[in-house]
N, C-alpha and C. Protein backbone atom coordinates (compact mmCIF):
# COMPACT_ATOMS: atom_id res chain seq x y z
N MET A 1 48.31 -50.96 10.61
CA MET A 1 48.99 -49.79 11.25
C MET A 1 49.93 -49.12 10.68
N MET A 2 50.36 -47.73 10.79
CA MET A 2 51.06 -46.89 9.81
C MET A 2 52.16 -46.88 10.91
N ASP A 3 53.47 -47.16 10.45
CA ASP A 3 54.76 -46.93 11.24
C ASP A 3 54.93 -45.58 11.20
N PHE A 4 55.28 -44.84 12.55
CA PHE A 4 55.77 -43.34 12.35
C PHE A 4 57.33 -43.31 12.11
N LEU A 5 57.48 -42.33 11.16
CA LEU A 5 58.85 -41.86 11.50
C LEU A 5 59.49 -41.24 12.53
N LYS A 6 60.64 -42.08 13.00
CA LYS A 6 61.07 -41.11 14.01
C LYS A 6 62.65 -40.70 13.70
N LEU A 7 62.80 -39.36 13.80
CA LEU A 7 63.72 -38.71 13.19
C LEU A 7 64.81 -38.24 14.48
N GLU A 8 66.05 -38.00 14.38
CA GLU A 8 67.06 -37.87 15.35
C GLU A 8 67.42 -36.75 14.94
N ASN A 9 67.58 -35.93 13.59
CA ASN A 9 67.93 -34.82 13.10
C ASN A 9 67.14 -34.47 12.21
N ILE A 10 67.41 -33.04 11.57
CA ILE A 10 66.58 -32.49 10.60
C ILE A 10 67.17 -32.90 9.15
N GLY A 11 68.44 -33.13 9.47
CA GLY A 11 69.47 -33.23 8.20
C GLY A 11 69.83 -31.60 7.54
N GLU A 12 69.71 -31.91 6.22
CA GLU A 12 70.15 -30.52 5.69
C GLU A 12 69.27 -29.50 5.95
N VAL A 13 69.71 -28.42 6.46
CA VAL A 13 68.79 -27.04 6.98
C VAL A 13 68.96 -26.19 5.93
N ILE A 14 67.67 -25.99 5.33
CA ILE A 14 67.26 -25.17 4.16
C ILE A 14 66.96 -23.77 4.53
N ALA A 15 66.55 -23.75 5.95
CA ALA A 15 66.21 -22.25 6.35
C ALA A 15 66.16 -22.26 7.89
N GLU A 16 66.47 -20.98 8.19
CA GLU A 16 66.26 -20.61 10.00
C GLU A 16 65.64 -19.51 10.35
N ARG A 17 65.13 -19.40 11.23
CA ARG A 17 64.38 -18.13 11.82
C ARG A 17 64.99 -18.31 13.00
N VAL A 18 65.55 -16.96 13.62
CA VAL A 18 65.78 -16.61 15.05
C VAL A 18 64.57 -15.67 15.76
N LEU A 19 63.72 -16.39 16.73
CA LEU A 19 62.81 -15.33 17.65
C LEU A 19 63.31 -15.17 18.59
N LYS A 20 62.81 -14.29 19.37
CA LYS A 20 63.02 -13.76 20.81
C LYS A 20 62.10 -14.11 21.57
N ARG A 21 62.28 -14.46 22.95
CA ARG A 21 61.19 -14.81 23.85
C ARG A 21 61.88 -13.92 25.40
N PRO A 22 60.76 -13.17 25.90
CA PRO A 22 61.37 -12.35 26.98
C PRO A 22 61.35 -13.58 28.20
N VAL A 23 62.06 -13.40 28.99
CA VAL A 23 62.23 -14.39 30.26
C VAL A 23 62.42 -13.48 31.80
N ASP A 24 61.59 -13.51 32.36
CA ASP A 24 61.46 -12.93 33.67
C ASP A 24 62.29 -11.56 33.81
N GLY A 25 61.86 -10.50 32.68
CA GLY A 25 62.35 -9.41 32.78
C GLY A 25 63.91 -9.23 32.13
N GLY A 26 64.37 -10.25 32.24
CA GLY A 26 65.90 -10.23 31.61
C GLY A 26 66.04 -10.20 30.04
N GLU A 27 67.18 -10.26 29.75
CA GLU A 27 67.32 -10.39 28.28
C GLU A 27 66.52 -11.38 27.53
N PRO A 28 66.26 -11.02 26.40
CA PRO A 28 65.38 -12.31 25.56
C PRO A 28 66.16 -13.34 25.56
N GLN A 29 65.83 -14.42 25.21
CA GLN A 29 66.28 -15.50 24.68
C GLN A 29 66.08 -15.90 23.46
N ASP A 30 66.52 -16.54 22.66
CA ASP A 30 66.44 -17.05 21.39
C ASP A 30 65.36 -18.40 21.11
N VAL A 31 64.64 -18.40 20.34
CA VAL A 31 63.95 -19.33 19.82
C VAL A 31 64.31 -19.80 18.56
N VAL A 32 65.06 -21.04 18.29
CA VAL A 32 65.32 -21.00 16.85
C VAL A 32 64.57 -21.85 15.97
N VAL A 33 64.02 -21.60 14.79
CA VAL A 33 63.23 -22.77 14.10
C VAL A 33 64.07 -22.93 13.07
N ARG A 34 64.04 -24.23 13.13
CA ARG A 34 65.00 -24.91 11.58
C ARG A 34 64.08 -25.75 10.76
N LEU A 35 64.32 -25.29 9.30
CA LEU A 35 63.48 -26.32 8.69
C LEU A 35 64.52 -27.08 7.87
N GLY A 36 64.34 -28.61 7.72
CA GLY A 36 64.72 -29.23 6.85
C GLY A 36 64.49 -29.68 5.28
N ARG A 37 65.27 -30.12 4.37
CA ARG A 37 65.25 -30.30 3.53
C ARG A 37 64.01 -31.63 2.99
N PRO A 38 63.27 -31.23 2.42
CA PRO A 38 61.85 -32.38 2.25
C PRO A 38 62.68 -33.73 1.50
N GLN A 39 62.14 -34.55 1.84
CA GLN A 39 62.84 -35.94 1.46
C GLN A 39 61.72 -36.97 1.32
N PRO A 40 62.20 -37.96 0.50
CA PRO A 40 61.23 -38.82 0.11
C PRO A 40 61.17 -39.90 1.22
N ASP A 41 59.91 -40.55 1.21
CA ASP A 41 59.59 -41.59 2.20
C ASP A 41 59.63 -42.69 1.31
N MET A 42 60.44 -43.67 0.99
CA MET A 42 59.87 -44.85 0.06
C MET A 42 59.13 -45.63 0.65
N ASP A 43 59.17 -45.57 1.78
CA ASP A 43 57.89 -46.56 2.46
C ASP A 43 56.56 -46.79 2.41
N HIS A 44 56.15 -45.22 2.27
CA HIS A 44 55.06 -44.67 2.41
C HIS A 44 54.43 -43.87 0.70
N ASP A 45 55.59 -43.93 -0.14
CA ASP A 45 55.08 -43.24 -1.05
C ASP A 45 54.80 -42.21 -1.17
N ALA A 46 55.75 -41.07 -0.30
CA ALA A 46 55.37 -39.29 0.01
C ALA A 46 56.56 -38.84 0.04
N TYR A 47 56.45 -37.79 0.46
CA TYR A 47 57.57 -36.86 1.12
C TYR A 47 57.34 -36.45 2.55
N PHE A 48 58.43 -36.10 3.46
CA PHE A 48 58.28 -35.40 4.46
C PHE A 48 59.48 -34.31 4.48
N CYS A 49 58.99 -33.39 5.19
CA CYS A 49 59.82 -32.06 5.49
C CYS A 49 59.67 -32.02 6.98
N PRO A 50 61.11 -32.21 7.59
CA PRO A 50 61.35 -32.08 9.13
C PRO A 50 61.80 -30.90 9.68
N PHE A 51 61.23 -30.42 10.70
CA PHE A 51 61.87 -29.16 11.39
C PHE A 51 61.98 -29.41 12.77
N GLU A 52 62.65 -28.28 13.69
CA GLU A 52 62.74 -28.44 14.87
C GLU A 52 62.72 -27.01 15.59
N ILE A 53 62.19 -27.04 16.43
CA ILE A 53 62.07 -25.61 17.24
C ILE A 53 62.87 -25.80 18.66
N LEU A 54 64.10 -24.79 19.01
CA LEU A 54 64.66 -25.05 19.99
C LEU A 54 64.86 -23.72 20.77
N GLY A 55 64.42 -23.92 22.25
CA GLY A 55 64.40 -22.68 23.01
C GLY A 55 63.00 -22.67 23.72
N ILE A 56 62.06 -23.52 23.48
CA ILE A 56 60.76 -23.64 24.08
C ILE A 56 60.81 -25.23 24.31
N GLY A 57 60.63 -25.47 25.37
CA GLY A 57 60.58 -27.03 25.73
C GLY A 57 61.85 -28.00 25.45
N PRO A 58 61.48 -29.30 25.54
CA PRO A 58 62.71 -30.08 24.95
C PRO A 58 62.94 -30.42 23.55
N ARG A 59 64.16 -30.55 23.17
CA ARG A 59 64.38 -30.74 21.64
C ARG A 59 63.51 -32.08 21.09
N LYS A 60 62.69 -31.66 20.00
CA LYS A 60 62.38 -32.60 19.55
C LYS A 60 62.00 -32.35 17.87
N VAL A 61 62.41 -33.33 17.16
CA VAL A 61 62.18 -33.53 15.66
C VAL A 61 61.11 -33.77 15.15
N ARG A 62 60.25 -32.80 14.29
CA ARG A 62 58.95 -33.32 13.69
C ARG A 62 58.92 -33.27 12.28
N CYS A 63 58.04 -33.77 11.80
CA CYS A 63 57.84 -33.37 10.19
C CYS A 63 56.57 -33.63 9.82
N ALA A 64 56.16 -33.17 8.44
CA ALA A 64 55.08 -33.19 7.86
C ALA A 64 54.96 -33.92 6.93
N PHE A 65 54.14 -34.64 6.30
CA PHE A 65 54.02 -35.45 5.08
C PHE A 65 53.17 -34.85 4.03
N GLY A 66 53.83 -34.89 2.66
CA GLY A 66 52.73 -34.60 1.79
C GLY A 66 52.95 -35.72 0.35
N VAL A 67 52.08 -35.52 -0.60
CA VAL A 67 52.32 -36.35 -1.80
C VAL A 67 53.29 -36.28 -2.42
N ASP A 68 54.21 -34.68 -2.37
CA ASP A 68 55.18 -34.51 -2.98
C ASP A 68 55.90 -33.43 -1.86
N ALA A 69 57.34 -33.12 -2.57
CA ALA A 69 57.85 -32.28 -1.61
C ALA A 69 57.19 -30.87 -1.62
N PHE A 70 56.75 -30.40 -2.43
CA PHE A 70 55.96 -29.05 -2.36
C PHE A 70 55.10 -29.08 -1.31
N GLN A 71 54.36 -29.98 -1.36
CA GLN A 71 53.00 -30.36 -0.11
C GLN A 71 53.60 -30.23 0.92
N SER A 72 54.75 -30.96 1.27
CA SER A 72 55.30 -31.42 2.46
C SER A 72 55.85 -29.86 2.92
N LEU A 73 56.41 -29.12 2.42
CA LEU A 73 56.87 -27.81 2.68
C LEU A 73 55.89 -26.82 3.03
N GLN A 74 54.55 -26.99 2.45
CA GLN A 74 53.42 -26.22 2.65
C GLN A 74 52.75 -26.52 3.86
N LEU A 75 52.68 -27.77 4.12
CA LEU A 75 52.03 -28.39 5.30
C LEU A 75 53.18 -28.24 6.62
N VAL A 76 54.17 -28.26 6.35
CA VAL A 76 55.34 -27.88 7.50
C VAL A 76 55.19 -26.65 8.05
N LEU A 77 54.96 -25.55 7.13
CA LEU A 77 55.34 -24.34 7.49
C LEU A 77 53.52 -23.94 8.29
N ARG A 78 52.66 -24.73 7.85
CA ARG A 78 51.20 -24.61 8.81
C ARG A 78 51.72 -25.12 9.98
N MET A 79 52.42 -26.18 10.28
CA MET A 79 52.52 -27.00 11.69
C MET A 79 53.39 -26.13 12.46
N ILE A 80 54.60 -25.40 11.89
CA ILE A 80 55.41 -24.45 12.49
C ILE A 80 54.57 -23.51 12.96
N SER A 81 53.79 -22.78 12.08
CA SER A 81 52.83 -21.51 12.52
C SER A 81 51.93 -22.09 13.93
N VAL A 82 51.40 -23.32 13.61
CA VAL A 82 50.43 -23.55 14.88
C VAL A 82 51.53 -23.50 16.08
N GLU A 83 52.45 -24.38 15.91
CA GLU A 83 53.32 -24.52 17.13
C GLU A 83 53.65 -23.44 17.89
N LEU A 84 54.12 -22.50 17.12
CA LEU A 84 54.73 -21.22 17.60
C LEU A 84 53.59 -20.28 18.37
N HIS A 85 52.59 -20.20 17.62
CA HIS A 85 51.35 -19.35 18.03
C HIS A 85 50.74 -19.88 19.44
N CYS A 86 50.96 -21.58 19.52
CA CYS A 86 50.21 -22.02 20.64
C CYS A 86 51.29 -22.10 21.77
N SER A 87 52.54 -21.97 21.27
CA SER A 87 53.62 -21.56 22.63
C SER A 87 53.66 -20.21 23.14
N ARG A 88 53.40 -19.31 22.03
CA ARG A 88 53.30 -17.74 22.29
C ARG A 88 52.24 -17.67 23.27
N ARG A 89 51.12 -18.19 23.26
CA ARG A 89 49.76 -18.20 24.29
C ARG A 89 50.36 -18.97 25.51
N ASP A 90 50.91 -19.84 25.61
CA ASP A 90 51.13 -20.51 26.69
C ASP A 90 52.36 -20.79 27.38
N ALA A 91 53.55 -21.24 26.61
CA ALA A 91 54.69 -21.58 26.86
C ALA A 91 55.79 -20.10 26.79
N ALA A 92 55.58 -19.40 25.98
CA ALA A 92 56.43 -18.39 25.49
C ALA A 92 55.72 -17.05 25.10
N PRO A 93 54.77 -16.36 26.34
CA PRO A 93 54.35 -15.09 26.00
C PRO A 93 55.15 -14.10 25.52
N GLY A 94 54.69 -13.19 24.73
CA GLY A 94 55.77 -12.05 24.39
C GLY A 94 56.63 -12.67 23.40
N MET A 95 56.67 -13.92 22.74
CA MET A 95 57.58 -13.90 21.74
C MET A 95 57.26 -13.09 20.68
N TYR A 96 58.67 -12.93 20.03
CA TYR A 96 58.30 -12.11 18.68
C TYR A 96 59.62 -12.19 17.61
N PHE A 97 59.09 -11.60 16.56
CA PHE A 97 60.32 -11.80 15.53
C PHE A 97 61.49 -10.98 15.41
N LEU A 98 60.94 -9.54 15.06
CA LEU A 98 61.99 -8.45 14.77
C LEU A 98 61.92 -7.57 16.00
N GLU A 99 61.05 -7.10 16.48
CA GLU A 99 60.50 -6.17 17.63
C GLU A 99 59.35 -6.93 18.62
N PRO A 100 59.44 -6.53 19.87
CA PRO A 100 58.64 -6.71 20.81
C PRO A 100 57.13 -6.34 20.14
N GLY A 101 56.27 -7.02 20.46
CA GLY A 101 54.94 -6.69 19.62
C GLY A 101 54.55 -7.16 18.23
N ASP A 102 55.83 -7.28 17.56
CA ASP A 102 55.17 -7.91 16.18
C ASP A 102 54.90 -9.39 16.14
N ASP A 103 54.46 -9.76 14.88
CA ASP A 103 54.11 -10.80 14.63
C ASP A 103 55.27 -11.86 14.44
N LEU A 104 55.12 -13.20 14.27
CA LEU A 104 56.37 -14.19 14.26
C LEU A 104 56.78 -14.40 12.91
N GLY A 105 56.38 -13.83 12.00
CA GLY A 105 56.72 -14.16 10.70
C GLY A 105 56.00 -15.45 10.03
N PHE A 106 55.08 -15.60 11.02
CA PHE A 106 54.05 -16.98 10.35
C PHE A 106 52.69 -16.62 10.54
N PRO A 107 51.87 -16.91 9.60
CA PRO A 107 50.57 -16.57 9.65
C PRO A 107 50.00 -17.29 10.65
N GLU A 108 48.93 -16.85 11.70
CA GLU A 108 48.30 -17.38 12.46
C GLU A 108 46.77 -18.02 11.64
N GLU A 109 46.82 -19.14 11.79
CA GLU A 109 45.54 -19.96 10.93
C GLU A 109 44.29 -19.64 11.46
N ALA A 110 43.46 -19.32 10.53
CA ALA A 110 42.21 -19.06 11.03
C ALA A 110 41.30 -20.27 11.49
N ASP A 111 40.56 -19.90 12.09
CA ASP A 111 39.56 -20.87 12.49
C ASP A 111 38.64 -21.35 11.79
């Protein structure tokens, strides 16, 4: 049985993006996506890349694992994209990056 990594914070932030989400006709609120530096996980001979999304639901640090730092970055960007697009459909309709109606700056995964 594999032990899951429990992270309290993302460590060193290497990138941040601020999205906006409309709330009940008022001023849009910030949705902040923070990406942490990929780090080695010596217990599993792998790398993990942490991230968090603030402004939608409770704060929770998540991560993606890869065989090296590069793959962990590739996979975490996919995870963030899925999380944001699901939130856009459910919890944060109308969420946008630069202007209302635009994309989120993260490609939507094809089925």
